[in-house]
């Protein structure tokens, strides 16, 4: 996974923050929980969680050093939140957390089984997990459109050995994947979301930051043209400029009964 631009992400992440905030509002906490935020990005949502557990603590982990740098740089008064570079497929936490959350991150993980196994290992007995990510559907995702653009003659040489950096699982596959990791899905929903960025240019800015895995293979001068090609082609999927449509899976999990 590319090292995402943490400072740039802070300016275009209203969508991710809105979706995570809405999901958090349905989670009941006592205020003493120890929480692990997997794929914490720039730490905005992590801090929101920390404000809800004043007598607990929150650790945010993200594989992108620039994201963690941005998260640590935020100026606030919270003393119960910390951040570290970490990947869900290699993290080695013991059963130290009452709650593990992950928002808009797990669809960037190819090794789903290992991810959920490590999430399970981080939970205390009686703990719980809340995950939210983009899943597979019949409508082409913007990432799938980006992969199609990489096969165009102009871009193909730069992507000759490029493997897709995302994985949109089928919703019915989650209970199986989680079950193999020792987790039980207790609640699951899929919602067809639409987000209007307000203009084609705003959507292109969001894509420029979010497509780091793709654009890191290109000269800086070529990035705007590549993003424009994706945005133009995706417009036929979304129906109008500046609109992003995606299927969002939200699931609550607990350790499986022994």
Protein backbone atom coordinates (compact mmCIF):
# COMPACT_ATOMS: atom_id res chain seq x y z
CA UNK A 1 0.00 0.00 0.00
CA UNK A 2 1.28 3.47 -0.91
CA UNK A 3 2.16 6.03 1.76
CA UNK A 4 -0.93 8.24 1.59
CA UNK A 5 -0.62 12.00 1.90
CA UNK A 6 -1.84 12.63 5.45
CA UNK A 7 -2.03 16.41 5.10
CA UNK A 8 -3.86 16.12 1.77
CA UNK A 9 -6.27 13.55 3.17
CA UNK A 10 -7.36 15.94 5.90
CA UNK A 11 -8.70 18.31 3.25
CA UNK A 12 -10.74 15.74 1.27
CA UNK A 13 -11.94 13.26 3.90
CA UNK A 14 -15.35 14.72 4.73
CA UNK A 15 -17.01 11.66 3.19
CA UNK A 16 -15.05 9.14 5.25
CA UNK A 17 -15.56 11.12 8.44
CA UNK A 18 -19.29 11.47 7.88
CA UNK A 19 -19.73 7.74 7.30
CA UNK A 20 -17.62 6.79 10.32
CA UNK A 21 -19.34 9.32 12.58
CA UNK A 22 -22.78 8.03 11.60
CA UNK A 23 -21.71 4.47 12.34
CA UNK A 24 -20.20 5.41 15.71
CA UNK A 25 -23.42 7.05 16.83
CA UNK A 26 -25.07 3.63 16.97
CA UNK A 27 -22.35 2.16 19.22
CA UNK A 28 -22.95 2.24 22.96
CA UNK A 29 -19.86 2.76 25.14
CA UNK A 30 -19.48 3.10 28.88
CA UNK A 31 -16.55 5.48 28.65
CA UNK A 32 -13.89 3.21 30.09
CA UNK A 33 -13.14 1.07 27.03
CA UNK A 34 -9.72 0.46 25.57
CA UNK A 35 -10.16 0.88 21.83
CA UNK A 36 -8.02 0.00 18.80
CA UNK A 37 -8.71 1.95 15.60
CA UNK A 38 -7.38 -0.01 12.62
CA UNK A 39 -6.58 2.11 9.58
CA UNK A 40 -6.96 5.34 11.54
CA UNK A 41 -5.83 7.66 8.74
CA UNK A 42 -5.24 11.21 9.93
CA UNK A 43 -6.73 10.44 13.36
CA UNK A 44 -9.83 12.60 13.16
CA UNK A 45 -12.26 9.75 13.84
CA UNK A 46 -9.85 8.26 16.39
CA UNK A 47 -10.08 11.47 18.40
CA UNK A 48 -13.84 11.42 18.16
CA UNK A 49 -13.79 7.94 19.70
CA UNK A 50 -11.39 9.12 22.42
CA UNK A 51 -13.80 11.90 23.39
CA UNK A 52 -16.45 9.24 24.02
CA UNK A 53 -14.24 7.13 26.30
CA UNK A 54 -12.79 9.76 28.67
CA UNK A 55 -11.81 7.12 31.24
CA UNK A 56 -10.50 4.73 28.60
CA UNK A 57 -7.92 4.98 25.83
CA UNK A 58 -7.68 4.75 22.06
CA UNK A 59 -4.76 3.61 19.94
CA UNK A 60 -4.85 4.41 16.23
CA UNK A 61 -2.74 2.39 13.81
CA UNK A 62 -2.21 2.95 10.09
CA UNK A 63 0.33 1.54 7.64
CA UNK A 64 1.02 5.00 6.16
CA UNK A 65 3.77 6.92 8.00
CA UNK A 66 2.50 10.22 6.57
CA UNK A 67 -0.97 9.51 7.93
CA UNK A 68 0.43 8.84 11.39
CA UNK A 69 2.56 11.97 11.15
CA UNK A 70 -0.59 13.99 10.41
CA UNK A 71 -2.48 12.27 13.24
CA UNK A 72 0.22 13.07 15.78
CA UNK A 73 0.51 16.67 14.61
CA UNK A 74 -3.08 17.57 15.47
CA UNK A 75 -3.29 20.07 18.32
CA UNK A 76 -5.88 19.09 20.92
CA UNK A 77 -6.28 18.52 24.63
CA UNK A 78 -6.99 14.79 24.55
CA UNK A 79 -4.58 12.76 26.63
CA UNK A 80 -6.14 9.32 26.10
CA UNK A 81 -5.27 8.88 22.42
CA UNK A 82 -2.05 7.73 20.74
CA UNK A 83 -0.93 6.67 17.27
CA UNK A 84 1.58 4.32 15.74
CA UNK A 85 2.48 2.96 12.32
CA UNK A 86 0.98 -0.50 11.99
CA UNK A 87 -0.56 -2.86 9.46
CA UNK A 88 -3.57 -5.00 10.30
CA UNK A 89 -1.93 -8.01 8.62
CA UNK A 90 1.25 -7.81 10.72
CA UNK A 91 0.13 -6.23 14.00
CA UNK A 92 0.69 -8.49 16.97
CA UNK A 93 -1.48 -7.18 19.78
CA UNK A 94 -2.59 -9.49 22.52
CA UNK A 95 -6.09 -9.46 24.03
CA UNK A 96 -5.74 -5.88 25.27
CA UNK A 97 -8.79 -4.14 23.78
CA UNK A 98 -12.48 -4.03 24.62
CA UNK A 99 -13.37 -2.66 21.19
CA UNK A 100 -11.66 -2.79 17.79
CA UNK A 101 -12.98 -0.53 15.04
CA UNK A 102 -12.05 -0.06 11.41
CA UNK A 103 -13.61 2.49 9.07
CA UNK A 104 -13.04 2.59 5.32
CA UNK A 105 -9.76 0.68 5.55
CA UNK A 106 -10.29 -3.07 5.23
CA UNK A 107 -11.14 -2.93 1.52
CA UNK A 108 -7.47 -2.00 1.00
CA UNK A 109 -6.35 -5.31 2.55
CA UNK A 110 -5.75 -8.30 0.29
CA UNK A 111 -5.19 -10.84 3.09
CA UNK A 112 -8.59 -10.67 4.75
CA UNK A 113 -8.17 -13.85 6.79
CA UNK A 114 -5.02 -12.58 8.49
CA UNK A 115 -6.60 -9.17 9.10
CA UNK A 116 -9.56 -10.64 10.96
CA UNK A 117 -7.38 -13.12 12.82
CA UNK A 118 -5.28 -10.25 14.16
CA UNK A 119 -8.39 -8.27 15.05
CA UNK A 120 -9.68 -11.29 16.97
CA UNK A 121 -6.36 -11.68 18.77
CA UNK A 122 -6.52 -8.04 19.92
CA UNK A 123 -9.92 -8.46 21.60
CA UNK A 124 -10.37 -9.29 25.24
CA UNK A 125 -12.83 -12.08 26.05
CA UNK A 126 -16.22 -10.46 25.74
CA UNK A 127 -14.85 -7.74 23.47
CA UNK A 128 -16.38 -6.64 20.21
CA UNK A 129 -15.43 -5.26 16.82
CA UNK A 130 -17.09 -2.83 14.45
CA UNK A 131 -15.96 -2.74 10.80
CA UNK A 132 -17.14 -0.67 7.89
CA UNK A 133 -15.84 -0.80 4.34
CA UNK A 134 -16.76 -0.85 0.66
CA UNK A 135 -17.96 -4.25 -0.53
CA UNK A 136 -18.59 -5.80 -3.93
CA UNK A 137 -21.70 -5.12 -5.95
CA UNK A 138 -22.98 -5.28 -9.50
CA UNK A 139 -22.12 -1.62 -10.19
CA UNK A 140 -18.44 -1.02 -11.07
CA UNK A 141 -16.56 0.68 -8.24
CA UNK A 142 -14.33 3.67 -8.84
CA UNK A 143 -11.35 1.42 -8.08
CA UNK A 144 -12.49 -1.04 -10.73
CA UNK A 145 -12.77 1.83 -13.20
CA UNK A 146 -9.23 2.91 -12.29
CA UNK A 147 -7.98 -0.59 -13.03
CA UNK A 148 -9.67 -0.46 -16.44
CA UNK A 149 -7.91 2.83 -17.18
CA UNK A 150 -4.52 1.27 -16.37
CA UNK A 151 -5.04 -1.02 -19.37
CA UNK A 152 -5.39 1.89 -21.80
CA UNK A 153 -2.43 2.17 -24.17
CA UNK A 154 -1.22 5.46 -22.65
CA UNK A 155 -0.98 4.02 -19.14
CA UNK A 156 -0.35 0.31 -19.64
CA UNK A 157 3.48 0.50 -19.62
CA UNK A 158 3.48 2.07 -16.13
CA UNK A 159 1.16 -0.63 -14.81
CA UNK A 160 2.57 -3.72 -16.47
CA UNK A 161 3.12 -5.59 -13.19
CA UNK A 162 0.51 -3.76 -11.11
CA UNK A 163 -1.79 -5.81 -8.89
CA UNK A 164 -5.03 -4.20 -7.75
CA UNK A 165 -4.47 -2.70 -4.29
CA UNK A 166 -8.02 -3.23 -3.05
CA UNK A 167 -10.41 -6.10 -2.38
CA UNK A 168 -14.17 -5.66 -2.36
CA UNK A 169 -15.51 -8.85 -0.84
CA UNK A 170 -18.97 -10.25 -1.37
CA UNK A 171 -21.15 -9.43 1.66
CA UNK A 172 -22.01 -13.12 2.14
CA UNK A 173 -18.29 -13.92 2.43
CA UNK A 174 -17.72 -11.91 5.60
CA UNK A 175 -19.23 -14.42 8.07
CA UNK A 176 -17.05 -17.14 6.55
CA UNK A 177 -13.87 -15.04 6.64
CA UNK A 178 -14.57 -13.83 10.17
CA UNK A 179 -15.55 -17.31 11.32
CA UNK A 180 -12.23 -18.74 10.19
CA UNK A 181 -10.56 -16.10 12.37
CA UNK A 182 -12.60 -16.95 15.47
CA UNK A 183 -15.13 -14.14 15.12
CA UNK A 184 -18.90 -14.26 14.83
CA UNK A 185 -20.86 -11.65 12.90
CA UNK A 186 -23.70 -10.54 15.17
CA UNK A 187 -25.11 -7.84 12.92
CA UNK A 188 -24.48 -6.92 9.30
CA UNK A 189 -25.97 -4.47 6.84
CA UNK A 190 -25.22 -3.21 3.34
CA UNK A 191 -26.33 0.24 2.24
CA UNK A 192 -26.10 1.74 -1.24
CA UNK A 193 -24.52 5.14 -0.61
CA UNK A 194 -24.28 8.26 -2.74
CA UNK A 195 -22.05 11.22 -2.00
CA UNK A 196 -22.13 14.44 -4.00
CA UNK A 197 -18.78 16.24 -3.89
CA UNK A 198 -20.43 19.31 -5.40
CA UNK A 199 -18.36 19.43 -8.55
CA UNK A 200 -16.25 17.31 -10.85
CA UNK A 201 -13.12 19.12 -9.67
CA UNK A 202 -13.80 18.33 -6.01
CA UNK A 203 -14.29 14.67 -6.86
CA UNK A 204 -11.04 14.69 -8.84
CA UNK A 205 -9.20 16.14 -5.82
CA UNK A 206 -10.57 13.33 -3.65
CA UNK A 207 -9.46 10.77 -6.22
CA UNK A 208 -5.99 12.30 -6.46
CA UNK A 209 -5.36 11.57 -2.77
CA UNK A 210 -7.21 8.24 -2.71
CA UNK A 211 -5.46 6.86 -5.79
CA UNK A 212 -1.99 6.97 -4.25
CA UNK A 213 -1.37 3.30 -5.06
CA UNK A 214 -1.95 4.10 -8.72
CA UNK A 215 -0.43 7.56 -9.01
CA UNK A 216 2.77 6.63 -7.15
CA UNK A 217 3.76 4.73 -10.30
CA UNK A 218 3.44 7.80 -12.51
CA UNK A 219 5.53 10.94 -13.02
CA UNK A 220 3.94 13.81 -11.13
CA UNK A 221 3.19 15.60 -14.39
CA UNK A 222 1.05 12.67 -15.58
CA UNK A 223 -1.08 12.32 -12.45
CA UNK A 224 -3.76 14.91 -13.36
CA UNK A 225 -4.32 13.29 -16.77
CA UNK A 226 -4.66 9.82 -15.24
CA UNK A 227 -7.11 11.04 -12.60
CA UNK A 228 -9.10 12.89 -15.27
CA UNK A 229 -9.33 9.69 -17.32
CA UNK A 230 -10.72 7.79 -14.33
CA UNK A 231 -13.16 10.54 -13.36
CA UNK A 232 -14.44 10.89 -16.93
CA UNK A 233 -15.03 7.17 -17.29
CA UNK A 234 -16.57 6.84 -13.83
CA UNK A 235 -19.13 9.52 -14.66
CA UNK A 236 -20.91 6.97 -16.86
CA UNK A 237 -21.27 4.78 -13.75
CA UNK A 238 -22.36 7.47 -11.29
CA UNK A 239 -24.66 9.25 -13.72
CA UNK A 240 -23.49 12.83 -13.23
CA UNK A 241 -20.29 14.77 -12.47
CA UNK A 242 -19.03 14.93 -8.91
CA UNK A 243 -21.11 12.03 -7.61
CA UNK A 244 -19.61 8.96 -5.96
CA UNK A 245 -21.68 5.82 -5.42
CA UNK A 246 -20.63 2.82 -3.37
CA UNK A 247 -21.93 -0.13 -1.40
CA UNK A 248 -21.03 0.17 2.28
CA UNK A 249 -20.94 -2.91 4.49
CA UNK A 250 -21.17 -2.41 8.24
CA UNK A 251 -20.75 -5.33 10.63
CA UNK A 252 -20.51 -5.94 14.34
CA UNK A 253 -18.52 -8.95 15.48
CA UNK A 254 -17.68 -10.79 18.68
CA UNK A 255 -15.35 -13.67 19.50
CA UNK A 256 -16.99 -16.96 18.58
CA UNK A 257 -18.25 -19.08 21.48
CA UNK A 258 -15.73 -21.71 22.46
